């Protein structure tokens, strides 16, 4: 009787658990659920991250040159970036209850959402710190 209950519980857990929709990160590479010819969204995501990081690093370097004058600005920038990263991790996987037919459309939707959030952050950084960017 215990074996039957155990088998039922295990079967229930496996049947009702989330599907394994995971993008695996390994050695800096992103393994996609999409075919190779449909992975341009991952290149765009990488490009947007590089743009944002370039702007952020320029600002940090600028503020590090004159620590006394820019210490408050640097701390505000670091704090806002940390807050943004926290918000990004919570918001980028939101799909709004949409049902996807396959892993690739879901991956694309999540990636496009993340790209939009990064582009918004780039605009925030460039508008807020415009006079410090050369």
Protein backbone atom coordinates (compact mmCIF):
# COMPACT_ATOMS: atom_id res chain seq x y z
CA UNK A 1 0.00 0.00 0.00
CA UNK A 2 2.86 2.40 0.81
CA UNK A 3 4.40 1.76 -2.60
CA UNK A 4 1.16 2.63 -4.34
CA UNK A 5 0.81 5.87 -2.37
CA UNK A 6 4.47 6.71 -3.00
CA UNK A 7 4.09 6.09 -6.74
CA UNK A 8 0.92 8.21 -6.82
CA UNK A 9 2.64 11.10 -4.99
CA UNK A 10 5.70 10.98 -7.24
CA UNK A 11 3.54 10.79 -10.35
CA UNK A 12 1.48 13.76 -9.13
CA UNK A 13 4.57 15.85 -8.47
CA UNK A 14 6.03 15.08 -11.86
CA UNK A 15 2.75 15.66 -13.68
CA UNK A 16 1.95 19.02 -12.08
CA UNK A 17 5.43 20.47 -11.78
CA UNK A 18 6.57 23.25 -14.07
CA UNK A 19 7.98 22.28 -17.40
CA UNK A 20 11.77 22.53 -17.69
CA UNK A 21 11.82 25.88 -19.50
CA UNK A 22 15.28 26.99 -18.55
CA UNK A 23 17.97 28.77 -20.49
CA UNK A 24 21.22 27.28 -19.26
CA UNK A 25 24.22 29.54 -18.82
CA UNK A 26 27.58 27.85 -19.15
CA UNK A 27 30.98 29.42 -19.69
CA UNK A 28 29.49 32.74 -20.72
CA UNK A 29 27.41 31.13 -23.46
CA UNK A 30 23.65 31.13 -23.65
CA UNK A 31 22.08 27.90 -24.78
CA UNK A 32 18.83 28.69 -26.48
CA UNK A 33 15.71 26.64 -26.98
CA UNK A 34 15.41 28.20 -30.45
CA UNK A 35 16.94 26.88 -33.66
CA UNK A 36 20.26 28.47 -34.61
CA UNK A 37 18.66 30.53 -37.37
CA UNK A 38 16.15 32.06 -34.90
CA UNK A 39 18.58 33.28 -32.23
CA UNK A 40 19.12 36.89 -33.32
CA UNK A 41 17.20 38.09 -30.26
CA UNK A 42 20.06 36.79 -28.08
CA UNK A 43 22.60 38.82 -30.07
CA UNK A 44 20.44 41.91 -29.66
CA UNK A 45 20.20 41.26 -25.92
CA UNK A 46 23.97 40.97 -25.66
CA UNK A 47 24.43 44.22 -27.63
CA UNK A 48 22.03 46.12 -25.37
CA UNK A 49 23.77 44.86 -22.23
CA UNK A 50 27.11 45.99 -23.69
CA UNK A 51 25.72 49.46 -24.49
CA UNK A 52 24.32 49.90 -21.02
CA UNK A 53 27.48 48.64 -19.34
CA UNK A 54 29.60 50.95 -21.48
CA UNK A 55 27.57 53.99 -20.41
CA UNK A 56 27.59 52.91 -16.77
CA UNK A 57 31.35 52.28 -16.77
CA UNK A 58 32.04 55.65 -18.45
CA UNK A 59 30.11 57.37 -15.71
CA UNK A 60 31.86 55.45 -12.95
CA UNK A 61 35.27 56.27 -14.44
CA UNK A 62 34.32 59.92 -14.75
CA UNK A 63 33.18 60.04 -11.13
CA UNK A 64 36.29 58.20 -9.94
CA UNK A 65 38.55 60.87 -11.47
CA UNK A 66 37.32 63.45 -9.00
CA UNK A 67 36.10 61.49 -6.00
CA UNK A 68 35.56 64.51 -3.78
CA UNK A 69 33.43 66.38 -6.31
CA UNK A 70 31.44 63.38 -7.59
CA UNK A 71 31.18 61.04 -4.59
CA UNK A 72 27.45 61.71 -4.11
CA UNK A 73 26.73 61.31 -7.82
CA UNK A 74 28.67 58.07 -7.95
CA UNK A 75 26.86 56.65 -4.93
CA UNK A 76 23.50 57.66 -6.40
CA UNK A 77 24.43 55.98 -9.68
CA UNK A 78 25.57 52.77 -7.98
CA UNK A 79 22.43 52.67 -5.82
CA UNK A 80 20.12 53.28 -8.77
CA UNK A 81 21.88 50.59 -10.81
CA UNK A 82 21.59 48.06 -7.99
CA UNK A 83 17.90 48.88 -7.61
CA UNK A 84 17.39 48.61 -11.35
CA UNK A 85 19.11 45.20 -11.47
CA UNK A 86 16.88 43.98 -8.66
CA UNK A 87 13.77 45.24 -10.44
CA UNK A 88 14.98 43.70 -13.71
CA UNK A 89 15.35 40.27 -12.17
CA UNK A 90 11.76 40.49 -10.94
CA UNK A 91 10.27 41.94 -14.13
CA UNK A 92 12.07 40.30 -17.04
CA UNK A 93 10.38 36.89 -16.71
CA UNK A 94 6.88 38.32 -16.51
CA UNK A 95 4.81 36.97 -19.37
CA UNK A 96 1.40 38.14 -18.21
CA UNK A 97 -0.27 34.75 -18.14
CA UNK A 98 0.38 34.20 -21.84
CA UNK A 99 0.37 30.58 -22.96
CA UNK A 100 3.22 29.82 -25.34
CA UNK A 101 3.28 26.93 -27.75
CA UNK A 102 6.88 25.91 -27.33
CA UNK A 103 9.95 27.13 -25.59
CA UNK A 104 11.30 29.33 -28.38
CA UNK A 105 8.36 31.80 -28.43
CA UNK A 106 8.51 32.07 -24.64
CA UNK A 107 12.27 32.66 -24.74
CA UNK A 108 11.84 35.34 -27.42
CA UNK A 109 9.10 37.10 -25.46
CA UNK A 110 11.21 37.14 -22.29
CA UNK A 111 14.27 38.32 -24.20
CA UNK A 112 12.34 41.11 -25.94
CA UNK A 113 10.99 42.23 -22.57
CA UNK A 114 14.51 42.29 -21.13
CA UNK A 115 15.80 44.22 -24.17
CA UNK A 116 13.04 46.81 -23.70
CA UNK A 117 13.89 47.20 -20.02
CA UNK A 118 17.59 47.64 -20.81
CA UNK A 119 16.84 50.22 -23.51
CA UNK A 120 14.70 52.12 -21.03
CA UNK A 121 17.58 52.07 -18.54
CA UNK A 122 19.99 53.34 -21.20
CA UNK A 123 17.66 56.30 -21.81
CA UNK A 124 17.42 56.95 -18.07
CA UNK A 125 21.20 56.96 -17.69
CA UNK A 126 21.84 59.15 -20.71
CA UNK A 127 19.14 61.66 -19.77
CA UNK A 128 20.02 61.85 -16.08
CA UNK A 129 23.80 62.03 -16.57
CA UNK A 130 23.91 63.69 -20.00
CA UNK A 131 26.34 66.41 -18.98
CA UNK A 132 28.83 63.87 -17.61
CA UNK A 133 28.97 61.75 -20.76
CA UNK A 134 31.53 62.99 -23.25
